[in-house]
């Protein structure tokens, strides 16, 4: 039911005489007391693998995430290395972390 239809229904109810409002109320109460019958079946739940009982290594955990569909591929550990060219940059004055903290205050 659209919002417009619902508002039209409310306006119509407001214009009813008291006896018809009572009858409507009784019908609504009866309908609400009946068990709700769903027009469509409940969606089927996806079967998920049972959670593992033992502690897993990081590689086992990655494989578990892959198996249950939370990852599309395993991470490439060969690409994860420390680059010797990544050296800290020297700056003059106070440490950068202290500058950031001071400026946030």
N, C-alpha and C. Protein backbone atom coordinates (compact mmCIF):
# COMPACT_ATOMS: atom_id res chain seq x y z
N UNK A 1 0.86 -1.17 0.00
CA UNK A 1 0.00 0.00 0.00
C UNK A 1 0.90 1.23 0.00
N UNK A 2 0.60 2.12 -0.89
CA UNK A 2 1.40 3.34 -0.98
C UNK A 2 1.04 4.28 0.18
N UNK A 3 1.90 5.23 0.40
CA UNK A 3 1.66 6.22 1.46
C UNK A 3 0.38 7.02 1.16
N UNK A 4 0.17 7.33 -0.11
CA UNK A 4 -1.02 8.07 -0.52
C UNK A 4 -2.28 7.26 -0.21
N UNK A 5 -2.26 5.96 -0.56
CA UNK A 5 -3.42 5.09 -0.28
C UNK A 5 -3.68 5.00 1.22
N UNK A 6 -2.61 4.89 1.99
CA UNK A 6 -2.75 4.79 3.44
C UNK A 6 -3.36 6.07 4.01
N UNK A 7 -2.89 7.20 3.56
CA UNK A 7 -3.45 8.48 4.04
C UNK A 7 -4.92 8.62 3.64
N UNK A 8 -5.26 8.16 2.44
CA UNK A 8 -6.66 8.20 2.00
C UNK A 8 -7.52 7.31 2.90
N UNK A 9 -6.99 6.14 3.25
CA UNK A 9 -7.71 5.23 4.14
C UNK A 9 -7.94 5.88 5.51
N UNK A 10 -6.91 6.52 6.04
CA UNK A 10 -7.05 7.21 7.33
C UNK A 10 -8.11 8.31 7.27
N UNK A 11 -8.10 9.08 6.20
CA UNK A 11 -9.11 10.14 6.04
C UNK A 11 -10.52 9.55 5.98
N UNK A 12 -10.66 8.43 5.28
CA UNK A 12 -11.97 7.77 5.18
C UNK A 12 -12.43 7.29 6.55
N UNK A 13 -11.51 6.72 7.33
CA UNK A 13 -11.86 6.23 8.67
C UNK A 13 -12.32 7.38 9.54
N UNK A 14 -11.67 8.51 9.42
CA UNK A 14 -12.04 9.68 10.24
C UNK A 14 -13.47 10.15 9.94
N UNK A 15 -13.93 9.87 8.74
CA UNK A 15 -15.28 10.34 8.37
C UNK A 15 -16.37 9.32 8.72
N UNK A 16 -16.01 8.15 9.24
CA UNK A 16 -17.01 7.12 9.59
C UNK A 16 -17.79 7.51 10.84
N UNK A 17 -19.05 7.08 10.92
CA UNK A 17 -19.81 7.29 12.16
C UNK A 17 -19.27 6.37 13.26
N UNK A 18 -19.52 6.71 14.52
CA UNK A 18 -18.96 5.93 15.64
C UNK A 18 -19.27 4.44 15.59
N UNK A 19 -20.46 4.05 15.19
CA UNK A 19 -20.81 2.63 15.14
C UNK A 19 -19.94 1.88 14.12
N UNK A 20 -19.71 2.48 12.97
CA UNK A 20 -18.86 1.83 11.97
C UNK A 20 -17.40 1.78 12.42
N UNK A 21 -16.97 2.76 13.18
CA UNK A 21 -15.61 2.75 13.72
C UNK A 21 -15.48 1.58 14.69
N UNK A 22 -16.51 1.35 15.54
CA UNK A 22 -16.49 0.22 16.47
C UNK A 22 -16.41 -1.12 15.71
N UNK A 23 -17.21 -1.23 14.65
CA UNK A 23 -17.20 -2.45 13.85
C UNK A 23 -15.82 -2.67 13.21
N UNK A 24 -15.26 -1.61 12.71
CA UNK A 24 -13.92 -1.70 12.11
C UNK A 24 -12.90 -2.13 13.15
N UNK A 25 -13.02 -1.56 14.32
CA UNK A 25 -12.09 -1.91 15.42
C UNK A 25 -12.21 -3.39 15.77
N UNK A 26 -13.43 -3.90 15.83
CA UNK A 26 -13.63 -5.32 16.14
C UNK A 26 -13.01 -6.20 15.05
N UNK A 27 -13.21 -5.83 13.80
CA UNK A 27 -12.63 -6.60 12.70
C UNK A 27 -11.10 -6.59 12.76
N UNK A 28 -10.54 -5.42 13.04
CA UNK A 28 -9.08 -5.32 13.13
C UNK A 28 -8.55 -6.13 14.30
N UNK A 29 -9.24 -6.08 15.44
CA UNK A 29 -8.81 -6.87 16.60
C UNK A 29 -8.85 -8.36 16.29
N UNK A 30 -9.90 -8.82 15.60
CA UNK A 30 -9.99 -10.23 15.23
C UNK A 30 -8.83 -10.62 14.32
N UNK A 31 -8.56 -9.76 13.36
CA UNK A 31 -7.48 -10.06 12.41
C UNK A 31 -6.13 -10.10 13.12
N UNK A 32 -5.91 -9.21 14.07
CA UNK A 32 -4.63 -9.19 14.78
C UNK A 32 -4.48 -10.36 15.73
N UNK A 33 -5.60 -10.91 16.24
CA UNK A 33 -5.55 -12.05 17.15
C UNK A 33 -5.26 -13.35 16.43
N UNK A 34 -5.56 -13.42 15.14
CA UNK A 34 -5.32 -14.64 14.38
C UNK A 34 -3.83 -14.77 14.10
N UNK A 35 -3.32 -16.04 14.07
CA UNK A 35 -1.91 -16.21 13.72
C UNK A 35 -1.67 -15.71 12.31
N UNK A 36 -0.58 -15.03 12.16
CA UNK A 36 -0.26 -14.42 10.87
C UNK A 36 0.16 -15.50 9.88
N UNK A 37 -0.50 -15.49 8.72
CA UNK A 37 -0.14 -16.42 7.65
C UNK A 37 0.67 -15.65 6.63
N UNK A 38 1.87 -16.12 6.39
CA UNK A 38 2.75 -15.43 5.47
C UNK A 38 2.33 -15.70 4.04
N UNK A 39 2.33 -14.67 3.22
CA UNK A 39 1.97 -14.82 1.81
C UNK A 39 3.06 -15.55 1.04
N UNK A 40 4.28 -15.43 1.50
CA UNK A 40 5.37 -16.13 0.84
C UNK A 40 6.16 -16.90 1.89
N UNK A 41 6.76 -17.99 1.50
CA UNK A 41 7.51 -18.79 2.47
C UNK A 41 8.72 -18.04 2.99
N UNK A 42 9.10 -18.38 4.19
CA UNK A 42 10.27 -17.74 4.80
C UNK A 42 11.50 -18.10 3.98
N UNK A 43 12.42 -17.17 3.84
CA UNK A 43 13.63 -17.46 3.06
C UNK A 43 14.44 -18.56 3.73
N UNK A 44 14.97 -19.44 2.91
CA UNK A 44 15.79 -20.54 3.44
C UNK A 44 17.11 -19.98 3.94
N UNK A 45 17.53 -20.49 5.08
CA UNK A 45 18.80 -20.04 5.63
C UNK A 45 19.93 -20.79 4.94
N UNK A 46 21.00 -20.05 4.68
CA UNK A 46 22.16 -20.69 4.08
C UNK A 46 22.88 -21.51 5.13
N UNK A 47 23.24 -22.70 4.73
CA UNK A 47 23.99 -23.54 5.66
C UNK A 47 25.41 -23.00 5.75
N UNK A 48 25.85 -22.80 6.95
CA UNK A 48 27.22 -22.33 7.16
C UNK A 48 28.00 -23.42 7.87
N UNK A 49 29.26 -23.52 7.55
CA UNK A 49 30.07 -24.51 8.26
C UNK A 49 30.15 -24.16 9.74
N UNK A 50 30.20 -25.19 10.55
CA UNK A 50 30.30 -24.97 11.99
C UNK A 50 31.62 -24.28 12.29
N UNK A 51 31.61 -23.36 13.26
CA UNK A 51 32.87 -22.68 13.59
C UNK A 51 33.87 -23.67 14.17
N UNK A 52 35.12 -23.49 13.85
CA UNK A 52 36.15 -24.41 14.34
C UNK A 52 36.28 -24.32 15.85
N UNK A 53 36.63 -25.44 16.45
CA UNK A 53 36.72 -25.52 17.91
C UNK A 53 38.13 -25.16 18.42
N UNK A 54 39.16 -25.45 17.61
CA UNK A 54 40.52 -25.22 18.08
C UNK A 54 41.05 -23.88 17.59
N UNK A 55 42.12 -23.42 18.20
CA UNK A 55 42.78 -22.20 17.75
C UNK A 55 43.37 -22.44 16.38
N UNK A 56 43.20 -21.47 15.49
CA UNK A 56 43.71 -21.60 14.13
C UNK A 56 44.92 -20.71 13.94
N UNK A 57 45.76 -21.14 13.03
CA UNK A 57 46.86 -20.27 12.62
C UNK A 57 46.28 -19.23 11.68
N UNK A 58 47.06 -18.22 11.36
CA UNK A 58 46.58 -17.18 10.46
C UNK A 58 46.28 -17.76 9.08
N UNK A 59 47.10 -18.68 8.61
CA UNK A 59 46.88 -19.30 7.30
C UNK A 59 45.60 -20.13 7.30
N UNK A 60 45.35 -20.87 8.39
CA UNK A 60 44.12 -21.66 8.50
C UNK A 60 42.89 -20.74 8.54
N UNK A 61 43.03 -19.61 9.24
CA UNK A 61 41.93 -18.67 9.33
C UNK A 61 41.62 -18.07 7.95
N UNK A 62 42.67 -17.73 7.21
CA UNK A 62 42.47 -17.21 5.85
C UNK A 62 41.76 -18.24 4.98
N UNK A 63 42.16 -19.50 5.11
CA UNK A 63 41.52 -20.57 4.34
C UNK A 63 40.06 -20.74 4.75
N UNK A 64 39.78 -20.62 6.04
CA UNK A 64 38.40 -20.71 6.55
C UNK A 64 37.55 -19.58 5.97
N UNK A 65 38.08 -18.35 5.96
CA UNK A 65 37.34 -17.23 5.38
C UNK A 65 37.08 -17.44 3.89
N UNK A 66 38.05 -18.03 3.20
CA UNK A 66 37.88 -18.34 1.78
C UNK A 66 36.78 -19.37 1.58
N UNK A 67 36.76 -20.41 2.44
CA UNK A 67 35.77 -21.48 2.31
C UNK A 67 34.35 -21.01 2.59
N UNK A 68 34.16 -20.08 3.50
CA UNK A 68 32.81 -19.62 3.82
C UNK A 68 32.40 -18.43 2.96
N UNK A 69 33.27 -18.00 2.07
CA UNK A 69 32.90 -16.97 1.10
C UNK A 69 33.12 -15.54 1.54
N UNK A 70 33.83 -15.31 2.62
CA UNK A 70 34.09 -13.94 3.06
C UNK A 70 35.33 -13.35 2.40
N UNK A 71 36.10 -14.20 1.74
CA UNK A 71 37.26 -13.73 0.97
C UNK A 71 37.15 -14.35 -0.42
N UNK A 72 37.55 -13.59 -1.43
CA UNK A 72 37.49 -14.13 -2.79
C UNK A 72 38.80 -14.79 -3.19
N UNK A 73 39.88 -14.42 -2.53
CA UNK A 73 41.18 -15.03 -2.81
C UNK A 73 42.06 -14.90 -1.58
N UNK A 74 43.07 -15.75 -1.50
CA UNK A 74 44.00 -15.71 -0.37
C UNK A 74 44.97 -14.54 -0.56
N UNK A 75 45.41 -13.95 0.55
CA UNK A 75 46.36 -12.84 0.42
C UNK A 75 47.70 -13.34 -0.13
N UNK A 76 48.36 -12.46 -0.88
CA UNK A 76 49.66 -12.79 -1.45
C UNK A 76 50.73 -12.41 -0.45
N UNK A 77 51.22 -13.39 0.29
CA UNK A 77 52.23 -13.10 1.33
C UNK A 77 53.59 -12.81 0.72
N UNK A 78 53.83 -13.23 -0.52
CA UNK A 78 55.12 -12.96 -1.16
C UNK A 78 55.28 -11.47 -1.43
N UNK A 79 54.17 -10.77 -1.64
CA UNK A 79 54.23 -9.35 -1.92
C UNK A 79 54.38 -8.52 -0.64
N UNK A 80 54.27 -9.17 0.50
CA UNK A 80 54.35 -8.46 1.78
C UNK A 80 55.78 -8.57 2.32
N UNK A 81 56.55 -7.55 2.07
CA UNK A 81 57.94 -7.55 2.54
C UNK A 81 58.31 -6.13 2.95
N UNK A 82 59.37 -6.02 3.71
CA UNK A 82 59.87 -4.71 4.11
C UNK A 82 60.82 -4.20 3.04
N UNK A 83 60.48 -3.07 2.49
CA UNK A 83 61.29 -2.47 1.45
C UNK A 83 62.46 -1.75 2.09
N UNK A 84 63.69 -2.10 1.73
CA UNK A 84 64.85 -1.44 2.33
C UNK A 84 64.92 0.05 1.99
N UNK A 85 64.23 0.47 0.93
CA UNK A 85 64.23 1.89 0.57
C UNK A 85 63.32 2.71 1.47
N UNK A 86 62.47 2.05 2.24
CA UNK A 86 61.56 2.75 3.15
C UNK A 86 62.30 3.05 4.46
N UNK A 87 62.92 4.20 4.50
CA UNK A 87 63.63 4.60 5.71
C UNK A 87 62.93 5.84 6.26
N UNK A 88 62.97 6.03 7.56
CA UNK A 88 62.33 7.21 8.14
C UNK A 88 62.94 8.49 7.59
N UNK A 89 62.11 9.49 7.41
CA UNK A 89 62.56 10.78 6.91
C UNK A 89 62.97 11.63 8.11
N UNK A 90 64.13 12.23 8.04
CA UNK A 90 64.62 13.09 9.12
C UNK A 90 63.98 14.46 8.99
N UNK A 91 63.45 14.98 10.08
CA UNK A 91 62.88 16.33 10.07
C UNK A 91 63.53 17.14 11.17
N UNK A 92 63.55 18.45 10.97
CA UNK A 92 64.14 19.34 11.97
C UNK A 92 63.09 19.67 13.01
N UNK A 93 63.53 19.93 14.20
CA UNK A 93 62.61 20.34 15.26
C UNK A 93 62.08 19.17 16.05
N UNK A 94 60.91 19.40 16.67
CA UNK A 94 60.33 18.37 17.53
C UNK A 94 59.81 17.20 16.69
N UNK A 95 59.63 16.04 17.31
CA UNK A 95 59.09 14.90 16.56
C UNK A 95 57.71 15.22 15.99
N UNK A 96 57.41 14.67 14.84
CA UNK A 96 56.15 14.93 14.16
C UNK A 96 54.95 14.53 15.02
N UNK A 97 55.06 13.42 15.74
CA UNK A 97 53.94 12.98 16.57
C UNK A 97 53.60 14.04 17.63
N UNK A 98 54.60 14.67 18.21
CA UNK A 98 54.34 15.69 19.20
C UNK A 98 53.70 16.94 18.55
N UNK A 99 54.11 17.28 17.34
CA UNK A 99 53.51 18.41 16.62
C UNK A 99 52.03 18.14 16.37
N UNK A 100 51.72 16.94 15.94
CA UNK A 100 50.31 16.57 15.66
C UNK A 100 49.48 16.66 16.93
N UNK A 101 49.97 16.09 18.01
CA UNK A 101 49.24 16.11 19.28
C UNK A 101 49.00 17.54 19.74
N UNK A 102 50.06 18.38 19.66
CA UNK A 102 49.93 19.77 20.10
C UNK A 102 48.92 20.54 19.27
N UNK A 103 48.91 20.32 17.96
CA UNK A 103 48.00 21.05 17.08
C UNK A 103 46.56 20.57 17.18
N UNK A 104 46.33 19.39 17.67
CA UNK A 104 44.95 18.90 17.84
C UNK A 104 44.28 19.49 19.07
N UNK A 105 45.06 20.04 19.95
CA UNK A 105 44.47 20.61 21.19
C UNK A 105 43.89 21.95 20.97
